[in-house]
Amino acid sequence: MEPAIALDANAIRMDGVLDVPTARRLAAQLAIAPAGSLVRIDLTHVRELHDFGLAVLAQALSARGIRVSFRGLGQHQLRLLRYLGLDAVAA
């Protein structure tokens, strides 16, 4: 079963698994967001979060200049995002 990605105005809710293919799908959907925009990503219902998938997502967000606020990440994932140069805010 493919992970669900729900898009609302400036918020994205996900469930299932955030792996590389899912991160690429999400990055493709974020390509329409204007540079400098703020996107809120809710990962509260993600049951499995792969570090490399998060890295792929971080790279796409940085490349587009999108500011991001995450919900549902632990300290490990927030630290990983900082290491990757993404100034993510935990909501």
Protein backbone atom coordinates (compact mmCIF):
# COMPACT_ATOMS: atom_id res chain seq x y z
CA MET A 1 0.00 0.00 0.00
CA GLU A 2 1.37 3.38 -1.02
CA PRO A 3 1.81 6.02 1.70
CA ALA A 4 -0.82 8.74 1.71
CA ILE A 5 0.15 12.35 1.12
CA ALA A 6 -2.62 14.86 1.81
CA LEU A 7 -2.14 18.43 0.61
CA ASP A 8 -3.96 21.35 2.19
CA ALA A 9 -3.29 25.06 1.63
CA ASN A 10 0.23 25.26 3.09
CA ALA A 11 0.21 21.97 4.99
CA ILE A 12 1.05 18.40 4.05
CA ARG A 13 -0.04 15.42 6.13
CA MET A 14 1.53 12.02 5.61
CA ASP A 15 1.03 8.52 6.90
CA GLY A 16 2.66 5.18 6.21
CA VAL A 17 6.36 5.08 5.36
CA LEU A 18 8.62 7.98 4.40
CA ASP A 19 11.25 6.27 2.27
CA VAL A 20 13.16 7.45 -0.82
CA PRO A 21 10.35 6.86 -3.37
CA THR A 22 7.83 8.63 -1.13
CA ALA A 23 10.25 11.51 -0.52
CA ARG A 24 10.72 11.90 -4.29
CA ARG A 25 6.94 11.95 -4.83
CA LEU A 26 6.56 14.57 -2.13
CA ALA A 27 9.45 16.61 -3.57
CA ALA A 28 7.77 16.55 -6.99
CA GLN A 29 4.55 17.87 -5.46
CA LEU A 30 6.50 20.60 -3.63
CA ALA A 31 8.04 21.76 -6.92
CA ILE A 32 5.01 24.02 -7.44
CA ALA A 33 5.60 25.87 -4.15
CA PRO A 34 7.15 29.32 -4.68
CA ALA A 35 10.70 29.81 -3.44
CA GLY A 36 10.72 31.22 0.08
CA SER A 37 7.27 29.90 0.94
CA LEU A 38 6.59 28.22 4.27
CA VAL A 39 5.30 24.66 4.11
CA ARG A 40 4.13 22.69 7.15
CA ILE A 41 4.74 18.96 6.98
CA ASP A 42 2.94 16.75 9.50
CA LEU A 43 4.66 13.38 9.91
CA THR A 44 2.84 12.47 13.12
CA HIS A 45 1.16 9.44 11.53
CA VAL A 46 4.23 8.17 9.67
CA ARG A 47 4.98 4.76 11.16
CA GLU A 48 8.42 4.35 9.57
CA LEU A 49 10.79 7.17 8.68
CA HIS A 50 13.97 6.35 6.77
CA ASP A 51 16.90 8.69 7.27
CA PHE A 52 17.81 8.59 3.58
CA GLY A 53 14.21 9.46 2.62
CA LEU A 54 14.37 12.45 4.96
CA ALA A 55 17.71 13.43 3.38
CA VAL A 56 16.17 13.32 -0.13
CA LEU A 57 13.29 15.49 1.06
CA ALA A 58 15.68 17.94 2.77
CA GLN A 59 17.73 18.27 -0.42
CA ALA A 60 14.62 19.05 -2.48
CA LEU A 61 13.41 21.63 0.03
CA SER A 62 16.82 23.33 0.18
CA ALA A 63 17.18 23.37 -3.60
CA ARG A 64 13.82 25.16 -3.94
CA GLY A 65 14.47 27.57 -1.07
CA ILE A 66 11.34 26.40 0.71
CA ARG A 67 11.09 27.06 4.45
CA VAL A 68 9.61 24.17 6.34
CA SER A 69 7.99 23.43 9.68
CA PHE A 70 7.79 19.77 10.70
CA ARG A 71 5.45 18.09 13.14
CA GLY A 72 6.06 14.61 14.45
CA LEU A 73 9.85 14.41 14.17
CA GLY A 74 12.10 13.24 16.96
CA GLN A 75 15.37 14.81 18.03
CA HIS A 76 17.36 12.43 15.82
CA GLN A 77 15.52 13.53 12.67
CA LEU A 78 15.71 17.23 13.57
CA ARG A 79 19.44 16.87 14.19
CA LEU A 80 19.84 15.11 10.84
CA LEU A 81 18.05 17.98 9.07
CA ARG A 82 20.40 20.49 10.75
CA TYR A 83 23.43 18.43 9.64
CA LEU A 84 22.07 18.55 6.10
CA GLY A 85 21.80 22.34 6.28
CA LEU A 86 18.02 22.59 6.48
CA ASP A 87 16.84 25.03 9.13
CA ALA A 88 13.69 23.11 10.00
CA VAL A 89 11.35 24.23 12.73
CA ALA A 90 9.58 21.69 14.92
CA ALA A 91 5.91 22.56 15.31
